[in-house]
C-alpha atoms as a PDB file:
ATOM      1  CA  MET A   1      35.079  42.461  50.999  1.00  0.00           C
ATOM      2  CA  ALA A   2      36.986  39.211  50.803  1.00  0.00           C
ATOM      3  CA  LYS A   3      39.892  38.843  48.391  1.00  0.00           C
ATOM      4  CA  ARG A   4      41.800  35.705  47.463  1.00  0.00           C
ATOM      5  CA  SER A   5      45.305  35.565  48.930  1.00  0.00           C
ATOM      6  CA  SER A   6      47.937  35.109  46.249  1.00  0.00           C
ATOM      7  CA  SER A   7      50.182  33.026  48.507  1.00  0.00           C
ATOM      8  CA  SER A   8      47.659  30.632  50.047  1.00  0.00           C
ATOM      9  CA  GLY A   9      44.698  30.833  47.677  1.00  0.00           C
ATOM     10  CA  TYR A  10      42.301  31.271  50.624  1.00  0.00           C
ATOM     11  CA  LEU A  11      39.747  34.056  50.820  1.00  0.00           C
ATOM     12  CA  VAL A  12      40.943  36.766  53.197  1.00  0.00           C
ATOM     13  CA  SER A  13      38.664  39.473  54.564  1.00  0.00           C
ATOM     14  CA  SER A  14      39.903  42.936  55.458  1.00  0.00           C
ATOM     15  CA  GLU A  15      36.855  43.394  57.714  1.00  0.00           C
ATOM     16  CA  PRO A  16      37.041  42.177  61.327  1.00  0.00           C
ATOM     17  CA  SER A  17      35.012  39.071  62.013  1.00  0.00           C
ATOM     18  CA  VAL A  18      32.644  38.815  64.946  1.00  0.00           C
ATOM     19  CA  TYR A  19      32.462  35.528  66.818  1.00  0.00           C
ATOM     20  CA  THR A  20      28.940  34.299  67.401  1.00  0.00           C
ATOM     21  CA  PRO A  21      28.829  31.333  69.765  1.00  0.00           C
ATOM     22  CA  PRO A  22      26.633  28.396  68.733  1.00  0.00           C
ATOM     23  CA  PRO A  23      23.409  27.810  70.655  1.00  0.00           C
ATOM     24  CA  PRO A  24      23.548  25.302  73.511  1.00  0.00           C
ATOM     25  CA  SER A  25      22.887  21.704  72.513  1.00  0.00           C
ATOM     26  CA  VAL A  26      22.430  18.295  74.106  1.00  0.00           C
ATOM     27  CA  ARG A  27      23.049  14.803  72.783  1.00  0.00           C
ATOM     28  CA  VAL A  28      20.757  11.944  73.766  1.00  0.00           C
ATOM     29  CA  THR A  29      20.274   8.347  72.660  1.00  0.00           C
ATOM     30  CA  ASP A  30      17.060   6.410  72.165  1.00  0.00           C
ATOM     31  CA  LYS A  31      17.707   4.920  75.611  1.00  0.00           C
ATOM     32  CA  ASP A  32      17.364   8.431  77.059  1.00  0.00           C
ATOM     33  CA  LEU A  33      14.477   9.517  74.840  1.00  0.00           C
ATOM     34  CA  PRO A  34      12.878   6.634  72.855  1.00  0.00           C
ATOM     35  CA  ALA A  35      10.699   9.052  70.840  1.00  0.00           C
ATOM     36  CA  ILE A  36      13.715  10.204  68.788  1.00  0.00           C
ATOM     37  CA  LYS A  37      13.473   7.001  66.739  1.00  0.00           C
ATOM     38  CA  ASP A  38      10.354   8.440  65.081  1.00  0.00           C
ATOM     39  CA  TRP A  39      11.535  12.067  64.776  1.00  0.00           C
ATOM     40  CA  ALA A  40      12.885  13.717  61.618  1.00  0.00           C
ATOM     41  CA  VAL A  41      16.072  15.759  61.254  1.00  0.00           C
ATOM     42  CA  GLY A  42      15.324  19.465  60.827  1.00  0.00           C
ATOM     43  CA  LYS A  43      11.968  19.382  62.625  1.00  0.00           C
ATOM     44  CA  THR A  44      11.477  21.071  65.987  1.00  0.00           C
ATOM     45  CA  TYR A  45      10.215  19.114  68.989  1.00  0.00           C
ATOM     46  CA  THR A  46       9.367  20.049  72.561  1.00  0.00           C
ATOM     47  CA  VAL A  47      10.833  18.098  75.464  1.00  0.00           C
ATOM     48  CA  THR A  48      10.739  18.462  79.220  1.00  0.00           C
ATOM     49  CA  MET A  49      14.030  18.013  81.048  1.00  0.00           C
ATOM     50  CA  LYS A  50      14.893  17.834  84.702  1.00  0.00           C
ATOM     51  CA  VAL A  51      18.520  18.906  85.170  1.00  0.00           C
ATOM     52  CA  LYS A  52      21.059  19.080  87.971  1.00  0.00           C
ATOM     53  CA  MET A  53      23.621  21.901  87.935  1.00  0.00           C
ATOM     54  CA  VAL A  54      27.075  20.345  88.332  1.00  0.00           C
ATOM     55  CA  HIS A  55      29.225  23.413  87.598  1.00  0.00           C
ATOM     56  CA  HIS A  56      28.760  27.182  87.622  1.00  0.00           C
ATOM     57  CA  ALA A  57      31.123  29.809  86.221  1.00  0.00           C
ATOM     58  CA  GLU A  58      31.131  33.591  85.963  1.00  0.00           C
ATOM     59  CA  GLY A  59      32.911  35.809  83.430  1.00  0.00           C
ATOM     60  CA  LYS A  60      36.195  34.569  81.933  1.00  0.00           C
ATOM     61  CA  GLU A  61      36.362  31.440  84.079  1.00  0.00           C
ATOM     62  CA  TYR A  62      34.463  29.251  81.600  1.00  0.00           C
ATOM     63  CA  SER A  63      34.661  30.670  78.097  1.00  0.00           C
ATOM     64  CA  GLY A  64      37.927  32.556  78.142  1.00  0.00           C
ATOM     65  CA  LEU A  65      36.063  35.428  76.478  1.00  0.00           C
ATOM     66  CA  GLU A  66      34.749  38.401  78.375  1.00  0.00           C
ATOM     67  CA  SER A  67      32.322  40.720  76.662  1.00  0.00           C
ATOM     68  CA  ASP A  68      32.373  44.472  77.295  1.00  0.00           C
ATOM     69  CA  LYS A  69      28.578  44.345  77.221  1.00  0.00           C
ATOM     70  CA  ASN A  70      28.272  41.541  79.774  1.00  0.00           C
ATOM     71  CA  PRO A  71      31.508  41.100  81.769  1.00  0.00           C
ATOM     72  CA  LYS A  72      29.760  38.976  84.406  1.00  0.00           C
ATOM     73  CA  GLU A  73      28.149  36.422  82.104  1.00  0.00           C
ATOM     74  CA  HIS A  74      27.253  33.223  83.924  1.00  0.00           C
ATOM     75  CA  SER A  75      27.492  29.727  82.473  1.00  0.00           C
ATOM     76  CA  ALA A  76      26.636  26.309  83.831  1.00  0.00           C
ATOM     77  CA  LYS A  77      27.195  22.649  83.151  1.00  0.00           C
ATOM     78  CA  LEU A  78      23.935  20.751  83.546  1.00  0.00           C
ATOM     79  CA  GLU A  79      23.454  17.007  83.933  1.00  0.00           C
ATOM     80  CA  ILE A  80      20.180  15.645  82.569  1.00  0.00           C
ATOM     81  CA  VAL A  81      18.319  13.832  85.352  1.00  0.00           C
ATOM     82  CA  SER A  82      15.295  12.984  83.184  1.00  0.00           C
ATOM     83  CA  ILE A  83      13.999  13.886  79.737  1.00  0.00           C
ATOM     84  CA  LYS A  84      10.677  13.179  78.067  1.00  0.00           C
ATOM     85  CA  PRO A  85       8.759  14.424  75.027  1.00  0.00           C
ATOM     86  CA  ALA A  86       5.922  16.871  75.591  1.00  0.00           C
ATOM     87  CA  ASP A  87       2.471  15.230  75.551  1.00  0.00           C
ATOM     88  CA  ASP A  88       1.742  16.533  72.052  1.00  0.00           C
ATOM     89  CA  GLU A  89       5.038  15.037  70.740  1.00  0.00           C
ATOM     90  CA  LYS A  90       4.277  11.454  71.879  1.00  0.00           C
ATOM     91  CA  LYS A  91       3.088   8.941  69.310  1.00  0.00           C
END
């Protein structure tokens, strides 16, 4: 249970917090994917991407965090070669 600290006024929890990493994301412009001009925030769309792997890392090398459950987690940096909306997403 969180309690308010008397010195700082912030809520302080006595329970340990568990870090949950955010899902991967990409940022594109309408030059990359013109269809985004007609899309709405909060809706889900399907796109097809062709990517090139430009970096690969294993374990602590990338994230600095190593999980007991998955000490050899792999990560990659991907460069988008091409991106297009799925046929059913085109207007």
